[in-house]
C-alpha atoms as a PDB file:
ATOM      1  CA  MET A   1      28.644-128.188-199.726  1.00  0.00           C
ATOM      2  CA  ASN A   2      31.559-126.460-201.440  1.00  0.00           C
ATOM      3  CA  THR A   3      32.047-122.714-201.683  1.00  0.00           C
ATOM      4  CA  THR A   4      34.375-121.470-204.615  1.00  0.00           C
ATOM      5  CA  THR A   5      35.381-118.112-204.675  1.00  0.00           C
ATOM      6  CA  LEU A   6      36.240-117.276-208.388  1.00  0.00           C
ATOM      7  CA  ASP A   7      36.997-114.039-208.729  1.00  0.00           C
ATOM      8  CA  THR A   8      34.387-112.733-206.735  1.00  0.00           C
ATOM      9  CA  LYS A   9      35.702-110.946-204.055  1.00  0.00           C
ATOM     10  CA  THR A  10      34.598-107.060-203.299  1.00  0.00           C
ATOM     11  CA  CYS A  11      37.144-104.321-203.098  1.00  0.00           C
ATOM     12  CA  ASP A  12      38.513-103.069-200.053  1.00  0.00           C
ATOM     13  CA  TYR A  13      37.424 -99.809-200.562  1.00  0.00           C
ATOM     14  CA  CYS A  14      34.018 -99.541-201.163  1.00  0.00           C
ATOM     15  CA  SER A  15      33.202-102.554-199.485  1.00  0.00           C
ATOM     16  CA  GLY A  16      31.557-104.265-203.266  1.00  0.00           C
ATOM     17  CA  THR A  17      28.719-101.332-203.500  1.00  0.00           C
ATOM     18  CA  GLY A  18      30.781 -99.699-206.597  1.00  0.00           C
ATOM     19  CA  TYR A  19      30.334 -95.964-205.104  1.00  0.00           C
ATOM     20  CA  PHE A  20      31.600 -94.432-201.854  1.00  0.00           C
ATOM     21  CA  GLN A  21      28.132 -92.448-199.654  1.00  0.00           C
ATOM     22  CA  LEU A  22      29.589 -88.969-199.215  1.00  0.00           C
ATOM     23  CA  LEU A  23      28.875 -87.434-196.081  1.00  0.00           C
ATOM     24  CA  LEU A  24      27.007 -84.373-197.595  1.00  0.00           C
ATOM     25  CA  GLY A  25      25.125 -86.053-199.763  1.00  0.00           C
ATOM     26  CA  GLY A  26      24.968 -87.827-203.205  1.00  0.00           C
ATOM     27  CA  SER A  27      27.889 -90.982-204.021  1.00  0.00           C
ATOM     28  CA  GLU A  28      31.015 -90.927-206.166  1.00  0.00           C
ATOM     29  CA  THR A  29      31.595 -93.655-207.995  1.00  0.00           C
ATOM     30  CA  CYS A  30      35.236 -95.930-205.935  1.00  0.00           C
ATOM     31  CA  THR A  31      38.026 -95.927-208.105  1.00  0.00           C
ATOM     32  CA  CYS A  32      39.656 -98.041-207.197  1.00  0.00           C
ATOM     33  CA  CYS A  33      37.389-100.946-208.322  1.00  0.00           C
ATOM     34  CA  LYS A  34      35.683 -98.369-211.153  1.00  0.00           C
ATOM     35  CA  GLY A  35      32.741 -98.857-209.946  1.00  0.00           C
ATOM     36  CA  THR A  36      32.196-102.550-210.770  1.00  0.00           C
ATOM     37  CA  GLY A  37      32.466-103.355-207.040  1.00  0.00           C
ATOM     38  CA  LYS A  38      34.811-105.976-207.545  1.00  0.00           C
ATOM     39  CA  LYS A  39      38.517-106.317-206.150  1.00  0.00           C
ATOM     40  CA  GLN A  40      41.302-105.347-208.878  1.00  0.00           C
ATOM     41  CA  ASP A  41      44.163-107.397-209.783  1.00  0.00           C
END
């Protein structure tokens, strides 16, 4: 079984979710990946 990863690496800052959970409630879009959840080049 081959596992190939083609541009599917998750963003290190938001762990692939695309946003951060804020301590006071709510969420904020990850500025590193712009909400995509994928690592940018």
